[in-house]
């Protein structure tokens, strides 16, 4: 099973990758566990991780919803605006990166990420253990008052949220891409 080559958002359905057409970022609304592999075609670490990812997909596609977000270079060099928006929405500044999320009542209620070239067992336990970790996570991790960024997701206006994130995190900043055999990252300065 080959991974998609063109920039875009892909879902693994019926034993093959299907390109999705979404307006704005991919934010699954179907209840369950979703796993998203953020991949840059220029990333040496992504190519190293691809074999582990393919094996995971073949073994677990019936248990979790599986997606690939493919760009040449993060949100900076990407011919698919929805894929680029998805990199921004999940604040993906390093690849390879796998995001596991739990959706309940149509909303993402818990999100975790693993960065780097993972082995098969680490990937499996990360994805399949996400619901258990969610049940033991503290309910309030807000930290000190005034810390962090508050973004209202209740409107489900995902495109507007991407625009807010771009203004807060990226706009007017110098971006540099650094790559080695372990992966690539964007440095915002």
N, C-alpha and C. Protein backbone atom coordinates (compact mmCIF):
# COMPACT_ATOMS: atom_id res chain seq x y z
N UNK A 1 0.84 -1.17 0.00
CA UNK A 1 0.00 0.00 0.00
C UNK A 1 0.89 1.24 0.00
N UNK A 2 0.80 2.00 -1.07
CA UNK A 2 1.58 3.23 -1.17
C UNK A 2 0.88 4.37 -0.47
N UNK A 3 1.66 5.30 0.04
CA UNK A 3 1.10 6.51 0.62
C UNK A 3 0.84 7.53 -0.48
N UNK A 4 -0.10 8.44 -0.26
CA UNK A 4 -0.37 9.46 -1.27
C UNK A 4 0.88 10.29 -1.57
N UNK A 5 1.01 10.72 -2.81
CA UNK A 5 2.17 11.51 -3.22
C UNK A 5 1.84 12.99 -3.35
N UNK A 6 0.60 13.31 -3.70
CA UNK A 6 0.22 14.70 -3.90
C UNK A 6 -0.19 15.34 -2.58
N UNK A 7 0.01 16.66 -2.47
CA UNK A 7 -0.44 17.39 -1.30
C UNK A 7 -1.95 17.21 -1.16
N UNK A 8 -2.41 17.03 0.07
CA UNK A 8 -3.84 16.89 0.28
C UNK A 8 -4.17 16.21 1.59
N UNK A 9 -5.46 15.99 1.78
CA UNK A 9 -5.99 15.30 2.95
C UNK A 9 -6.56 13.97 2.46
N UNK A 10 -6.14 12.88 3.10
CA UNK A 10 -6.53 11.55 2.65
C UNK A 10 -7.08 10.74 3.82
N UNK A 11 -8.08 9.92 3.53
CA UNK A 11 -8.66 9.01 4.50
C UNK A 11 -8.47 7.59 3.97
N UNK A 12 -8.16 6.67 4.88
CA UNK A 12 -7.99 5.27 4.47
C UNK A 12 -9.33 4.57 4.63
N UNK A 13 -9.94 4.22 3.50
CA UNK A 13 -11.27 3.61 3.50
C UNK A 13 -11.28 2.47 2.49
N UNK A 14 -11.80 1.34 2.92
CA UNK A 14 -11.96 0.22 1.99
C UNK A 14 -10.65 -0.28 1.41
N UNK A 15 -9.58 -0.19 2.18
CA UNK A 15 -8.30 -0.70 1.72
C UNK A 15 -7.52 0.21 0.80
N UNK A 16 -7.94 1.50 0.70
CA UNK A 16 -7.17 2.42 -0.14
C UNK A 16 -7.32 3.85 0.38
N UNK A 17 -6.40 4.69 -0.06
CA UNK A 17 -6.42 6.11 0.31
C UNK A 17 -7.38 6.85 -0.60
N UNK A 18 -8.27 7.63 0.01
CA UNK A 18 -9.21 8.46 -0.75
C UNK A 18 -8.95 9.92 -0.40
N UNK A 19 -8.78 10.72 -1.43
CA UNK A 19 -8.56 12.15 -1.20
C UNK A 19 -9.87 12.80 -0.78
N UNK A 20 -9.80 13.61 0.28
CA UNK A 20 -10.99 14.29 0.78
C UNK A 20 -11.00 15.74 0.31
N UNK A 21 -12.17 16.24 0.10
CA UNK A 21 -12.34 17.65 -0.24
C UNK A 21 -13.06 18.31 0.93
N UNK A 22 -12.33 19.10 1.70
CA UNK A 22 -12.92 19.79 2.84
C UNK A 22 -12.63 21.28 2.72
N UNK A 23 -13.48 22.07 3.31
CA UNK A 23 -13.28 23.52 3.34
C UNK A 23 -12.63 23.85 4.68
N UNK A 24 -11.39 24.29 4.64
CA UNK A 24 -10.67 24.55 5.89
C UNK A 24 -9.97 23.30 6.35
N UNK A 25 -9.62 23.24 7.64
CA UNK A 25 -8.85 22.10 8.14
C UNK A 25 -9.72 20.87 8.35
N UNK A 26 -9.07 19.71 8.39
CA UNK A 26 -9.76 18.47 8.73
C UNK A 26 -9.99 18.44 10.24
N UNK A 27 -11.25 18.43 10.64
CA UNK A 27 -11.62 18.27 12.04
C UNK A 27 -12.73 17.22 12.04
N UNK A 28 -12.38 15.96 12.33
CA UNK A 28 -13.38 14.90 12.28
C UNK A 28 -14.55 15.18 13.23
N UNK A 29 -15.76 14.86 12.77
CA UNK A 29 -16.94 15.06 13.60
C UNK A 29 -17.63 13.74 13.94
N UNK A 30 -17.14 12.63 13.38
CA UNK A 30 -17.69 11.32 13.69
C UNK A 30 -17.10 10.85 15.02
N UNK A 31 -17.96 10.45 15.94
CA UNK A 31 -17.49 10.00 17.24
C UNK A 31 -16.55 8.81 17.09
N UNK A 32 -15.51 8.79 17.91
CA UNK A 32 -14.55 7.70 17.89
C UNK A 32 -13.12 8.20 17.98
N UNK A 33 -12.20 7.30 17.72
CA UNK A 33 -10.77 7.62 17.74
C UNK A 33 -10.32 7.87 16.30
N UNK A 34 -9.62 8.96 16.12
CA UNK A 34 -9.09 9.34 14.81
C UNK A 34 -7.58 9.50 14.95
N UNK A 35 -6.85 9.04 13.96
CA UNK A 35 -5.39 9.19 13.97
C UNK A 35 -4.98 9.85 12.66
N UNK A 36 -4.16 10.91 12.81
CA UNK A 36 -3.74 11.70 11.66
C UNK A 36 -2.22 11.70 11.59
N UNK A 37 -1.70 11.30 10.45
CA UNK A 37 -0.25 11.33 10.20
C UNK A 37 0.04 12.58 9.39
N UNK A 38 0.81 13.50 9.98
CA UNK A 38 1.25 14.70 9.28
C UNK A 38 2.59 14.39 8.64
N UNK A 39 2.63 14.52 7.31
CA UNK A 39 3.78 14.08 6.54
C UNK A 39 4.19 15.16 5.54
N UNK A 40 5.48 15.42 5.48
CA UNK A 40 6.04 16.31 4.47
C UNK A 40 6.78 15.46 3.45
N UNK A 41 6.53 15.70 2.17
CA UNK A 41 7.19 14.89 1.15
C UNK A 41 8.70 15.14 1.12
N UNK A 42 9.16 16.29 1.62
CA UNK A 42 10.60 16.59 1.65
C UNK A 42 11.29 16.06 2.91
N UNK A 43 10.56 15.44 3.81
CA UNK A 43 11.07 15.07 5.13
C UNK A 43 11.72 13.68 5.14
N UNK A 44 13.04 13.60 5.39
CA UNK A 44 13.71 12.29 5.44
C UNK A 44 13.17 11.40 6.57
N UNK A 45 12.84 12.00 7.71
CA UNK A 45 12.29 11.23 8.82
C UNK A 45 10.93 10.63 8.48
N UNK A 46 10.14 11.37 7.70
CA UNK A 46 8.83 10.84 7.28
C UNK A 46 9.03 9.59 6.43
N UNK A 47 9.97 9.65 5.51
CA UNK A 47 10.22 8.47 4.67
C UNK A 47 10.68 7.29 5.52
N UNK A 48 11.45 7.56 6.58
CA UNK A 48 11.88 6.49 7.48
C UNK A 48 10.70 5.89 8.25
N UNK A 49 9.72 6.72 8.60
CA UNK A 49 8.56 6.30 9.38
C UNK A 49 7.47 5.65 8.53
N UNK A 50 7.47 5.90 7.24
CA UNK A 50 6.39 5.42 6.36
C UNK A 50 6.12 3.93 6.47
N UNK A 51 7.14 3.10 6.58
CA UNK A 51 6.94 1.65 6.67
C UNK A 51 6.18 1.26 7.92
N UNK A 52 6.53 1.87 9.05
CA UNK A 52 5.83 1.61 10.31
C UNK A 52 4.38 2.04 10.19
N UNK A 53 4.16 3.22 9.59
CA UNK A 53 2.81 3.74 9.41
C UNK A 53 1.97 2.81 8.53
N UNK A 54 2.53 2.35 7.41
CA UNK A 54 1.79 1.45 6.51
C UNK A 54 1.37 0.18 7.25
N UNK A 55 2.28 -0.38 8.03
CA UNK A 55 1.97 -1.59 8.80
C UNK A 55 0.85 -1.32 9.80
N UNK A 56 0.92 -0.18 10.49
CA UNK A 56 -0.13 0.18 11.45
C UNK A 56 -1.48 0.29 10.75
N UNK A 57 -1.52 0.98 9.62
CA UNK A 57 -2.76 1.18 8.87
C UNK A 57 -3.37 -0.17 8.50
N UNK A 58 -2.57 -1.07 7.96
CA UNK A 58 -3.07 -2.37 7.52
C UNK A 58 -3.62 -3.19 8.68
N UNK A 59 -3.04 -3.03 9.87
CA UNK A 59 -3.46 -3.83 11.02
C UNK A 59 -4.63 -3.21 11.79
N UNK A 60 -4.81 -1.89 11.72
CA UNK A 60 -5.76 -1.24 12.63
C UNK A 60 -6.82 -0.38 11.95
N UNK A 61 -6.91 -0.42 10.62
CA UNK A 61 -7.87 0.46 9.94
C UNK A 61 -9.32 0.18 10.32
N UNK A 62 -9.61 -1.00 10.82
CA UNK A 62 -11.00 -1.31 11.20
C UNK A 62 -11.34 -0.84 12.61
N UNK A 63 -10.34 -0.38 13.36
CA UNK A 63 -10.54 0.00 14.76
C UNK A 63 -10.56 1.51 14.95
N UNK A 64 -9.78 2.23 14.14
CA UNK A 64 -9.69 3.69 14.24
C UNK A 64 -9.85 4.31 12.86
N UNK A 65 -10.20 5.57 12.83
CA UNK A 65 -10.30 6.32 11.57
C UNK A 65 -8.93 6.90 11.26
N UNK A 66 -8.43 6.67 10.05
CA UNK A 66 -7.04 6.96 9.71
C UNK A 66 -6.97 7.99 8.59
N UNK A 67 -6.09 8.99 8.81
CA UNK A 67 -5.91 10.07 7.84
C UNK A 67 -4.42 10.35 7.63
N UNK A 68 -4.10 10.87 6.45
CA UNK A 68 -2.77 11.42 6.17
C UNK A 68 -2.98 12.85 5.68
N UNK A 69 -2.19 13.76 6.24
CA UNK A 69 -2.16 15.13 5.75
C UNK A 69 -0.79 15.30 5.10
N UNK A 70 -0.78 15.50 3.80
CA UNK A 70 0.46 15.54 3.02
C UNK A 70 0.69 16.94 2.47
N UNK A 71 1.87 17.48 2.73
CA UNK A 71 2.32 18.74 2.11
C UNK A 71 3.79 18.57 1.73
N UNK A 72 4.28 19.45 0.88
CA UNK A 72 5.71 19.42 0.57
C UNK A 72 6.51 19.86 1.79
N UNK A 73 6.08 20.98 2.39
CA UNK A 73 6.79 21.54 3.54
C UNK A 73 5.81 22.28 4.45
N UNK A 74 5.20 21.55 5.37
CA UNK A 74 4.29 22.11 6.36
C UNK A 74 3.21 22.95 5.68
N UNK A 75 2.85 24.07 6.30
CA UNK A 75 1.86 25.00 5.75
C UNK A 75 2.53 26.02 4.84
N UNK A 76 3.86 25.98 4.75
CA UNK A 76 4.63 26.97 4.00
C UNK A 76 4.61 26.67 2.50
N UNK A 77 4.83 25.41 2.14
CA UNK A 77 4.86 24.99 0.74
C UNK A 77 3.89 23.83 0.57
N UNK A 78 2.66 24.17 0.20
CA UNK A 78 1.61 23.16 0.11
C UNK A 78 0.59 23.61 -0.93
N UNK A 79 0.36 22.78 -1.93
CA UNK A 79 -0.57 23.15 -3.00
C UNK A 79 -2.03 22.91 -2.64
N UNK A 80 -2.30 22.35 -1.46
CA UNK A 80 -3.67 22.10 -1.01
C UNK A 80 -3.93 22.95 0.23
N UNK A 81 -4.79 23.96 0.10
CA UNK A 81 -5.01 24.90 1.20
C UNK A 81 -5.64 24.23 2.42
N UNK A 82 -6.47 23.22 2.23
CA UNK A 82 -7.07 22.52 3.37
C UNK A 82 -6.02 21.72 4.14
N UNK A 83 -5.09 21.10 3.44
CA UNK A 83 -4.00 20.39 4.11
C UNK A 83 -3.13 21.38 4.88
N UNK A 84 -2.80 22.50 4.25
CA UNK A 84 -2.03 23.55 4.91
C UNK A 84 -2.75 24.05 6.16
N UNK A 85 -4.06 24.29 6.04
CA UNK A 85 -4.86 24.74 7.19
C UNK A 85 -4.86 23.71 8.31
N UNK A 86 -4.83 22.42 7.95
CA UNK A 86 -4.84 21.37 8.96
C UNK A 86 -3.52 21.35 9.73
N UNK A 87 -2.40 21.59 9.05
CA UNK A 87 -1.11 21.73 9.74
C UNK A 87 -1.20 22.86 10.77
N UNK A 88 -1.79 23.98 10.39
CA UNK A 88 -1.90 25.13 11.30
C UNK A 88 -2.86 24.82 12.44
N UNK A 89 -4.03 24.26 12.13
CA UNK A 89 -5.05 23.99 13.15
C UNK A 89 -4.49 23.14 14.29
N UNK A 90 -3.71 22.12 13.95
CA UNK A 90 -3.15 21.23 14.97
C UNK A 90 -1.76 21.69 15.44
N UNK A 91 -1.34 22.88 15.01
CA UNK A 91 -0.05 23.46 15.39
C UNK A 91 1.09 22.48 15.17
N UNK A 92 1.15 21.92 13.98
CA UNK A 92 2.19 20.96 13.62
C UNK A 92 3.39 21.72 13.07
N UNK A 93 4.45 21.73 13.85
CA UNK A 93 5.69 22.40 13.47
C UNK A 93 6.85 21.41 13.34
N UNK A 94 6.57 20.11 13.52
CA UNK A 94 7.59 19.06 13.36
C UNK A 94 6.95 17.85 12.68
N UNK A 95 7.73 17.20 11.82
CA UNK A 95 7.28 15.96 11.19
C UNK A 95 8.42 14.95 11.21
N UNK A 96 8.13 13.66 11.18
CA UNK A 96 6.80 13.09 11.16
C UNK A 96 6.08 13.34 12.49
N UNK A 97 4.77 13.48 12.41
CA UNK A 97 3.97 13.69 13.61
C UNK A 97 2.65 12.95 13.46
N UNK A 98 2.27 12.26 14.54
CA UNK A 98 1.00 11.55 14.57
C UNK A 98 0.15 12.17 15.67
N UNK A 99 -1.07 12.54 15.31
CA UNK A 99 -2.02 13.12 16.26
C UNK A 99 -3.15 12.12 16.44
N UNK A 100 -3.43 11.79 17.70
CA UNK A 100 -4.58 10.94 18.02
C UNK A 100 -5.62 11.81 18.70
N UNK A 101 -6.85 11.72 18.24
CA UNK A 101 -7.88 12.51 18.88
C UNK A 101 -9.13 11.69 19.10
N UNK A 102 -9.83 12.05 20.17
CA UNK A 102 -11.10 11.42 20.50
C UNK A 102 -12.19 12.44 20.22
N UNK A 103 -13.20 12.02 19.47
CA UNK A 103 -14.34 12.87 19.16
C UNK A 103 -15.57 12.30 19.86
N UNK A 104 -16.26 13.18 20.59
CA UNK A 104 -17.52 12.80 21.25
C UNK A 104 -18.55 13.88 20.95
N UNK A 105 -19.75 13.47 20.64
CA UNK A 105 -20.84 14.39 20.30
C UNK A 105 -20.43 15.38 19.22
N UNK A 106 -19.59 14.93 18.29
CA UNK A 106 -19.20 15.75 17.16
C UNK A 106 -18.09 16.74 17.41
N UNK A 107 -17.50 16.73 18.61
CA UNK A 107 -16.41 17.67 18.94
C UNK A 107 -15.15 16.92 19.34
N UNK A 108 -13.98 17.43 18.95
CA UNK A 108 -12.74 16.85 19.48
C UNK A 108 -12.65 17.19 20.97
N UNK A 109 -12.60 16.16 21.82
CA UNK A 109 -12.56 16.40 23.26
C UNK A 109 -11.19 16.09 23.87
N UNK A 110 -10.35 15.41 23.12
CA UNK A 110 -9.02 15.06 23.65
C UNK A 110 -8.08 14.86 22.47
N UNK A 111 -6.91 15.50 22.54
CA UNK A 111 -5.93 15.42 21.46
C UNK A 111 -4.54 15.20 22.07
N UNK A 112 -3.81 14.25 21.50
CA UNK A 112 -2.41 14.01 21.88
C UNK A 112 -1.58 13.91 20.62
N UNK A 113 -0.26 14.08 20.77
CA UNK A 113 0.62 13.97 19.62
C UNK A 113 1.90 13.23 20.00
N UNK A 114 2.47 12.56 19.00
CA UNK A 114 3.80 11.95 19.09
C UNK A 114 4.59 12.48 17.91
N UNK A 115 5.82 12.88 18.17
CA UNK A 115 6.67 13.47 17.14
C UNK A 115 7.89 12.59 16.94
N UNK A 116 8.28 12.40 15.68
CA UNK A 116 9.50 11.67 15.37
C UNK A 116 9.22 10.31 14.76
N UNK A 117 10.29 9.60 14.47
CA UNK A 117 10.19 8.28 13.86
C UNK A 117 9.89 7.28 14.98
N UNK A 118 8.66 6.80 15.03
CA UNK A 118 8.22 5.88 16.07
C UNK A 118 8.41 4.44 15.62
N UNK A 119 8.62 3.53 16.58
CA UNK A 119 8.61 2.12 16.24
C UNK A 119 7.16 1.63 16.28
N UNK A 120 6.93 0.43 15.79
CA UNK A 120 5.57 -0.10 15.64
C UNK A 120 4.84 -0.19 16.97
N UNK A 121 5.50 -0.66 18.02
CA UNK A 121 4.84 -0.81 19.32
C UNK A 121 4.50 0.54 19.94
N UNK A 122 5.39 1.51 19.82
CA UNK A 122 5.11 2.85 20.36
C UNK A 122 3.91 3.46 19.66
N UNK A 123 3.85 3.34 18.34
CA UNK A 123 2.72 3.88 17.58
C UNK A 123 1.43 3.17 17.98
N UNK A 124 1.46 1.87 18.05
CA UNK A 124 0.27 1.09 18.41
C UNK A 124 -0.25 1.48 19.79
N UNK A 125 0.62 1.50 20.79
CA UNK A 125 0.17 1.81 22.15
C UNK A 125 -0.26 3.27 22.28
N UNK A 126 0.40 4.16 21.54
CA UNK A 126 0.00 5.57 21.56
C UNK A 126 -1.43 5.73 21.04
N UNK A 127 -1.71 5.17 19.88
CA UNK A 127 -3.04 5.36 19.27
C UNK A 127 -4.11 4.58 20.02
N UNK A 128 -3.87 3.31 20.27
CA UNK A 128 -4.91 2.48 20.88
C UNK A 128 -5.12 2.77 22.36
N UNK A 129 -4.18 3.47 22.99
CA UNK A 129 -4.31 3.82 24.41
C UNK A 129 -4.83 5.22 24.66
N UNK A 130 -5.20 5.94 23.61
CA UNK A 130 -5.59 7.35 23.77
C UNK A 130 -6.84 7.51 24.63
N UNK A 131 -7.82 6.66 24.47
CA UNK A 131 -9.06 6.80 25.26
C UNK A 131 -8.79 6.54 26.74
N UNK A 132 -7.95 5.56 27.05
CA UNK A 132 -7.61 5.28 28.45
C UNK A 132 -6.86 6.46 29.07
N UNK A 133 -5.91 7.02 28.33
CA UNK A 133 -5.18 8.19 28.85
C UNK A 133 -6.12 9.38 29.03
N UNK A 134 -7.10 9.51 28.14
CA UNK A 134 -8.07 10.59 28.27
C UNK A 134 -8.84 10.45 29.58
N UNK A 135 -9.21 9.23 29.94
CA UNK A 135 -10.01 9.01 31.15
C UNK A 135 -9.23 9.29 32.43
N UNK A 136 -7.90 9.26 32.35
CA UNK A 136 -7.09 9.52 33.54
C UNK A 136 -6.45 10.90 33.54
N UNK A 137 -6.68 11.67 32.48
CA UNK A 137 -6.09 13.02 32.39
C UNK A 137 -6.83 13.96 33.33
N UNK A 138 -6.09 14.91 33.92
CA UNK A 138 -6.76 15.91 34.76
C UNK A 138 -7.79 16.69 33.94
N UNK A 139 -8.89 17.03 34.58
CA UNK A 139 -9.95 17.76 33.87
C UNK A 139 -9.56 19.19 33.55
N UNK A 140 -8.77 19.82 34.42
CA UNK A 140 -8.41 21.21 34.19
C UNK A 140 -6.90 21.34 34.13
N UNK A 141 -6.38 21.63 32.95
CA UNK A 141 -4.95 21.83 32.76
C UNK A 141 -4.67 23.26 32.33
N UNK A 142 -5.52 24.19 32.76
CA UNK A 142 -5.43 25.55 32.25
C UNK A 142 -4.23 26.32 32.76
N UNK A 143 -3.62 25.88 33.85
CA UNK A 143 -2.44 26.59 34.35
C UNK A 143 -2.82 27.90 35.01
N UNK A 144 -1.88 28.82 35.02
CA UNK A 144 -2.11 30.10 35.67
C UNK A 144 -3.05 30.96 34.84
N UNK A 145 -3.74 31.87 35.54
CA UNK A 145 -4.66 32.77 34.85
C UNK A 145 -3.90 33.61 33.83
N UNK A 146 -4.47 33.76 32.65
CA UNK A 146 -3.86 34.57 31.61
C UNK A 146 -2.84 33.84 30.76
N UNK A 147 -2.56 32.61 31.08
CA UNK A 147 -1.56 31.84 30.35
C UNK A 147 -2.22 31.13 29.17
N UNK A 148 -1.53 31.07 28.04
CA UNK A 148 -2.02 30.31 26.89
C UNK A 148 -2.93 31.11 25.99
N UNK A 149 -3.53 30.41 25.06
CA UNK A 149 -4.41 31.01 24.06
C UNK A 149 -5.78 30.38 24.22
N UNK A 150 -6.82 31.21 24.30
CA UNK A 150 -8.18 30.68 24.35
C UNK A 150 -8.82 30.84 22.98
N UNK A 151 -9.30 29.74 22.45
CA UNK A 151 -10.01 29.77 21.17
C UNK A 151 -11.31 29.00 21.36
N UNK A 152 -12.42 29.64 21.04
CA UNK A 152 -13.75 29.05 21.19
C UNK A 152 -14.03 28.10 20.03
N UNK A 153 -14.13 26.80 20.33
CA UNK A 153 -14.40 25.82 19.27
C UNK A 153 -15.89 25.51 19.15
N UNK A 154 -16.71 26.07 20.04
CA UNK A 154 -18.13 25.72 20.04
C UNK A 154 -18.83 26.12 18.74
N UNK A 155 -18.30 27.10 18.02
CA UNK A 155 -18.92 27.54 16.77
C UNK A 155 -18.65 26.59 15.61
N UNK A 156 -17.63 25.76 15.76
CA UNK A 156 -17.18 24.85 14.70
C UNK A 156 -16.78 25.60 13.43
N UNK A 157 -16.39 26.85 13.58
CA UNK A 157 -15.92 27.64 12.44
C UNK A 157 -14.41 27.43 12.34
N UNK A 158 -14.03 26.25 11.85
CA UNK A 158 -12.63 25.83 11.85
C UNK A 158 -11.75 26.75 11.01
N UNK A 159 -12.26 27.23 9.90
CA UNK A 159 -11.48 28.13 9.02
C UNK A 159 -11.14 29.42 9.76
N UNK A 160 -12.09 29.96 10.51
CA UNK A 160 -11.85 31.18 11.30
C UNK A 160 -10.80 30.92 12.38
N UNK A 161 -10.85 29.75 12.98
CA UNK A 161 -9.87 29.39 14.01
C UNK A 161 -8.47 29.33 13.41
N UNK A 162 -8.35 28.77 12.20
CA UNK A 162 -7.05 28.74 11.52
C UNK A 162 -6.53 30.16 11.30
N UNK A 163 -7.41 31.05 10.87
CA UNK A 163 -6.99 32.45 10.65
C UNK A 163 -6.53 33.09 11.96
N UNK A 164 -7.23 32.82 13.07
CA UNK A 164 -6.82 33.33 14.38
C UNK A 164 -5.44 32.80 14.76
N UNK A 165 -5.22 31.51 14.55
CA UNK A 165 -3.94 30.90 14.89
C UNK A 165 -2.81 31.47 14.04
N UNK A 166 -3.07 31.68 12.76
CA UNK A 166 -2.05 32.27 11.89
C UNK A 166 -1.65 33.64 12.40
N UNK A 167 -2.62 34.46 12.80
CA UNK A 167 -2.31 35.80 13.32
C UNK A 167 -1.54 35.73 14.63
N UNK A 168 -1.93 34.82 15.51
CA UNK A 168 -1.30 34.73 16.83
C UNK A 168 0.09 34.12 16.79
N UNK A 169 0.28 33.11 15.96
CA UNK A 169 1.50 32.30 16.03
C UNK A 169 2.48 32.55 14.89
N UNK A 170 1.98 32.83 13.68
CA UNK A 170 2.84 32.81 12.50
C UNK A 170 3.04 34.18 11.87
N UNK A 171 1.97 34.95 11.75
CA UNK A 171 1.99 36.18 10.97
C UNK A 171 3.11 37.13 11.41
N UNK A 172 3.87 37.61 10.42
CA UNK A 172 4.94 38.57 10.68
C UNK A 172 6.20 37.97 11.27
N UNK A 173 6.25 36.66 11.40
CA UNK A 173 7.41 35.99 11.99
C UNK A 173 8.26 35.38 10.89
N UNK A 174 9.54 35.31 11.15
CA UNK A 174 10.45 34.62 10.23
C UNK A 174 10.33 33.12 10.46
N UNK A 175 10.22 32.36 9.38
CA UNK A 175 10.11 30.90 9.47
C UNK A 175 11.33 30.26 8.83
N UNK A 176 11.90 29.28 9.54
CA UNK A 176 13.03 28.52 8.99
C UNK A 176 12.71 27.04 9.11
N UNK A 177 13.03 26.28 8.08
CA UNK A 177 12.84 24.83 8.13
C UNK A 177 14.19 24.17 8.34
N UNK A 178 14.23 23.26 9.32
CA UNK A 178 15.44 22.49 9.61
C UNK A 178 15.09 21.01 9.46
N UNK A 179 15.91 20.28 8.71
CA UNK A 179 15.66 18.85 8.48
C UNK A 179 16.92 18.04 8.72
N UNK A 180 16.72 16.83 9.24
CA UNK A 180 17.78 15.84 9.30
C UNK A 180 17.13 14.47 9.16
N UNK A 181 17.87 13.39 9.39
CA UNK A 181 17.33 12.05 9.18
C UNK A 181 16.18 11.72 10.13
N UNK A 182 16.04 12.45 11.24
CA UNK A 182 14.96 12.19 12.19
C UNK A 182 13.67 12.89 11.83
N UNK A 183 13.77 13.93 10.99
CA UNK A 183 12.56 14.65 10.61
C UNK A 183 12.85 16.10 10.29
N UNK A 184 11.78 16.88 10.20
CA UNK A 184 11.88 18.30 9.88
C UNK A 184 11.10 19.10 10.91
N UNK A 185 11.51 20.35 11.10
CA UNK A 185 10.74 21.23 11.96
C UNK A 185 10.80 22.64 11.42
N UNK A 186 9.76 23.39 11.75
CA UNK A 186 9.68 24.80 11.41
C UNK A 186 10.03 25.57 12.67
N UNK A 187 10.96 26.49 12.56
CA UNK A 187 11.33 27.35 13.68
C UNK A 187 10.70 28.71 13.41
N UNK A 188 9.86 29.16 14.35
CA UNK A 188 9.19 30.45 14.23
C UNK A 188 9.98 31.44 15.07
N UNK A 189 10.47 32.50 14.40
CA UNK A 189 11.30 33.45 15.14
C UNK A 189 10.96 34.88 14.86
